Amino acid sequence: MSPGWVSIIFLVLLLALVPFAVKWLQRRLAAGVSPGSVVASRVVSALAVGPHQHVVTVEVGAPEERVRLVLGVTAQSITCLHQSNLPTPAALALSKQSVAGAVGGGLT
């Protein structure tokens, strides 16, 4: 075999291994993150106040400790304008029960 063919075969083998290497890296990097620690974020609203300025409201954090952030976003920076904790799902369920009890109790 000529040296040209050896280098072509080596290149083809190397390219064939790329998908396996990417999959291995994905598993390796995901191993450090436990499934319960994935934090979802959600953009609640976005309002343009200028050509490159926006006020964006986002919710971040685990469901038990959600935080709502109001952010001022420009081309150069992001500034936190306000932060508030959201009630937990358990607290929301309790408040719905208490409202339903108050409404149901007042009708009799």
C-alpha atoms as a PDB file:
ATOM      1  CA  MET A   1       0.000   0.000   0.000  1.00  0.00           C
ATOM      2  CA  SER A   2       1.231   3.464  -0.802  1.00  0.00           C
ATOM      3  CA  PRO A   3       1.521   6.099   1.948  1.00  0.00           C
ATOM      4  CA  GLY A   4      -1.307   8.083   0.313  1.00  0.00           C
ATOM      5  CA  TRP A   5      -3.793   5.227   0.771  1.00  0.00           C
ATOM      6  CA  VAL A   6      -2.778   4.711   4.387  1.00  0.00           C
ATOM      7  CA  SER A   7      -3.477   8.349   5.214  1.00  0.00           C
ATOM      8  CA  ILE A   8      -6.863   8.226   3.422  1.00  0.00           C
ATOM      9  CA  ILE A   9      -7.892   5.068   5.327  1.00  0.00           C
ATOM     10  CA  PHE A  10      -6.740   6.639   8.582  1.00  0.00           C
ATOM     11  CA  LEU A  11      -8.801   9.779   7.843  1.00  0.00           C
ATOM     12  CA  VAL A  12     -11.931   7.731   7.045  1.00  0.00           C
ATOM     13  CA  LEU A  13     -11.548   5.747  10.287  1.00  0.00           C
ATOM     14  CA  LEU A  14     -11.050   8.953  12.240  1.00  0.00           C
ATOM     15  CA  LEU A  15     -14.198  10.490  10.760  1.00  0.00           C
ATOM     16  CA  ALA A  16     -16.147   7.296  11.506  1.00  0.00           C
ATOM     17  CA  LEU A  17     -15.198   7.568  15.178  1.00  0.00           C
ATOM     18  CA  VAL A  18     -16.393  11.175  15.577  1.00  0.00           C
ATOM     19  CA  PRO A  19     -20.060  10.278  16.387  1.00  0.00           C
ATOM     20  CA  PHE A  20     -18.919   7.805  19.041  1.00  0.00           C
ATOM     21  CA  ALA A  21     -16.613  10.406  20.568  1.00  0.00           C
ATOM     22  CA  VAL A  22     -19.405  12.988  20.678  1.00  0.00           C
ATOM     23  CA  LYS A  23     -21.772  10.506  22.341  1.00  0.00           C
ATOM     24  CA  TRP A  24     -19.092   9.602  24.889  1.00  0.00           C
ATOM     25  CA  LEU A  25     -18.502  13.282  25.678  1.00  0.00           C
ATOM     26  CA  GLN A  26     -22.233  13.893  26.125  1.00  0.00           C
ATOM     27  CA  ARG A  27     -22.502  11.042  28.624  1.00  0.00           C
ATOM     28  CA  ARG A  28     -19.330  12.134  30.386  1.00  0.00           C
ATOM     29  CA  LEU A  29     -20.481  15.732  30.796  1.00  0.00           C
ATOM     30  CA  ALA A  30     -24.016  14.741  31.810  1.00  0.00           C
ATOM     31  CA  ALA A  31     -22.696  12.418  34.528  1.00  0.00           C
ATOM     32  CA  GLY A  32     -21.825  15.401  36.730  1.00  0.00           C
ATOM     33  CA  VAL A  33     -25.418  16.668  36.662  1.00  0.00           C
ATOM     34  CA  SER A  34     -28.027  14.665  38.525  1.00  0.00           C
ATOM     35  CA  PRO A  35     -31.471  14.443  36.889  1.00  0.00           C
ATOM     36  CA  GLY A  36     -33.168  16.239  39.783  1.00  0.00           C
ATOM     37  CA  SER A  37     -30.817  19.206  39.636  1.00  0.00           C
ATOM     38  CA  VAL A  38     -31.805  20.351  36.180  1.00  0.00           C
ATOM     39  CA  VAL A  39     -33.095  23.893  36.567  1.00  0.00           C
ATOM     40  CA  ALA A  40     -35.632  25.060  34.050  1.00  0.00           C
ATOM     41  CA  SER A  41     -36.021  28.690  33.150  1.00  0.00           C
ATOM     42  CA  ARG A  42     -38.971  30.314  31.470  1.00  0.00           C
ATOM     43  CA  VAL A  43     -39.361  33.724  29.890  1.00  0.00           C
ATOM     44  CA  VAL A  44     -42.626  35.144  31.223  1.00  0.00           C
ATOM     45  CA  SER A  45     -42.596  38.372  29.227  1.00  0.00           C
ATOM     46  CA  ALA A  46     -40.325  40.671  27.251  1.00  0.00           C
ATOM     47  CA  LEU A  47     -40.936  44.331  26.544  1.00  0.00           C
ATOM     48  CA  ALA A  48     -38.847  46.482  24.203  1.00  0.00           C
ATOM     49  CA  VAL A  49     -38.259  49.933  25.690  1.00  0.00           C
ATOM     50  CA  GLY A  50     -35.739  51.130  23.115  1.00  0.00           C
ATOM     51  CA  PRO A  51     -33.833  49.987  20.038  1.00  0.00           C
ATOM     52  CA  HIS A  52     -31.488  47.754  22.037  1.00  0.00           C
ATOM     53  CA  GLN A  53     -33.114  47.832  25.489  1.00  0.00           C
ATOM     54  CA  HIS A  54     -35.595  45.310  26.847  1.00  0.00           C
ATOM     55  CA  VAL A  55     -37.248  44.557  30.149  1.00  0.00           C
ATOM     56  CA  VAL A  56     -37.511  40.775  30.473  1.00  0.00           C
ATOM     57  CA  THR A  57     -39.304  38.808  33.190  1.00  0.00           C
ATOM     58  CA  VAL A  58     -38.016  35.266  33.735  1.00  0.00           C
ATOM     59  CA  GLU A  59     -38.694  32.462  36.194  1.00  0.00           C
ATOM     60  CA  VAL A  60     -35.724  30.355  37.241  1.00  0.00           C
ATOM     61  CA  GLY A  61     -35.001  27.628  39.768  1.00  0.00           C
ATOM     62  CA  ALA A  62     -36.350  24.294  40.846  1.00  0.00           C
ATOM     63  CA  PRO A  63     -40.151  23.998  41.282  1.00  0.00           C
ATOM     64  CA  GLU A  64     -39.777  24.115  45.078  1.00  0.00           C
ATOM     65  CA  GLU A  65     -37.835  27.377  45.003  1.00  0.00           C
ATOM     66  CA  ARG A  66     -38.865  29.321  41.892  1.00  0.00           C
ATOM     67  CA  VAL A  67     -37.683  32.918  41.644  1.00  0.00           C
ATOM     68  CA  ARG A  68     -39.067  35.559  39.309  1.00  0.00           C
ATOM     69  CA  LEU A  69     -36.503  38.056  38.015  1.00  0.00           C
ATOM     70  CA  VAL A  70     -37.167  41.316  36.209  1.00  0.00           C
ATOM     71  CA  LEU A  71     -34.095  42.046  34.101  1.00  0.00           C
ATOM     72  CA  GLY A  72     -33.021  45.118  32.208  1.00  0.00           C
ATOM     73  CA  VAL A  73     -31.257  43.893  29.075  1.00  0.00           C
ATOM     74  CA  THR A  74     -29.093  46.085  26.846  1.00  0.00           C
ATOM     75  CA  ALA A  75     -26.508  45.271  24.196  1.00  0.00           C
ATOM     76  CA  GLN A  76     -23.755  45.682  26.791  1.00  0.00           C
ATOM     77  CA  SER A  77     -25.209  44.325  30.040  1.00  0.00           C
ATOM     78  CA  ILE A  78     -27.983  42.603  31.954  1.00  0.00           C
ATOM     79  CA  THR A  79     -29.147  44.205  35.213  1.00  0.00           C
ATOM     80  CA  CYS A  80     -31.467  42.653  37.792  1.00  0.00           C
ATOM     81  CA  LEU A  81     -34.193  45.229  38.428  1.00  0.00           C
ATOM     82  CA  HIS A  82     -36.336  43.171  40.811  1.00  0.00           C
ATOM     83  CA  GLN A  83     -36.390  39.693  42.358  1.00  0.00           C
ATOM     84  CA  SER A  84     -39.270  37.902  44.068  1.00  0.00           C
ATOM     85  CA  ASN A  85     -39.814  34.376  45.334  1.00  0.00           C
ATOM     86  CA  LEU A  86     -42.765  32.503  43.890  1.00  0.00           C
ATOM     87  CA  PRO A  87     -44.975  30.356  46.096  1.00  0.00           C
ATOM     88  CA  THR A  88     -44.239  26.641  46.046  1.00  0.00           C
ATOM     89  CA  PRO A  89     -46.728  24.241  44.409  1.00  0.00           C
ATOM     90  CA  ALA A  90     -47.698  22.976  47.882  1.00  0.00           C
ATOM     91  CA  ALA A  91     -48.439  26.525  49.088  1.00  0.00           C
ATOM     92  CA  LEU A  92     -50.539  27.171  45.979  1.00  0.00           C
ATOM     93  CA  ALA A  93     -52.558  24.011  46.615  1.00  0.00           C
ATOM     94  CA  LEU A  94     -53.165  25.063  50.228  1.00  0.00           C
ATOM     95  CA  SER A  95     -54.261  28.555  49.206  1.00  0.00           C
ATOM     96  CA  LYS A  96     -56.671  27.108  46.617  1.00  0.00           C
ATOM     97  CA  GLN A  97     -58.135  24.818  49.278  1.00  0.00           C
ATOM     98  CA  SER A  98     -58.556  27.686  51.735  1.00  0.00           C
ATOM     99  CA  VAL A  99     -60.215  29.873  49.090  1.00  0.00           C
ATOM    100  CA  ALA A 100     -62.532  27.017  48.107  1.00  0.00           C
ATOM    101  CA  GLY A 101     -63.371  26.440  51.772  1.00  0.00           C
ATOM    102  CA  ALA A 102     -64.077  30.125  52.353  1.00  0.00           C
ATOM    103  CA  VAL A 103     -66.283  30.350  49.262  1.00  0.00           C
ATOM    104  CA  GLY A 104     -68.084  27.091  50.051  1.00  0.00           C
ATOM    105  CA  GLY A 105     -68.516  28.017  53.731  1.00  0.00           C
ATOM    106  CA  GLY A 106     -70.023  31.397  52.915  1.00  0.00           C
ATOM    107  CA  LEU A 107     -72.758  29.959  50.697  1.00  0.00           C
ATOM    108  CA  THR A 108     -74.582  27.956  53.352  1.00  0.00           C
END
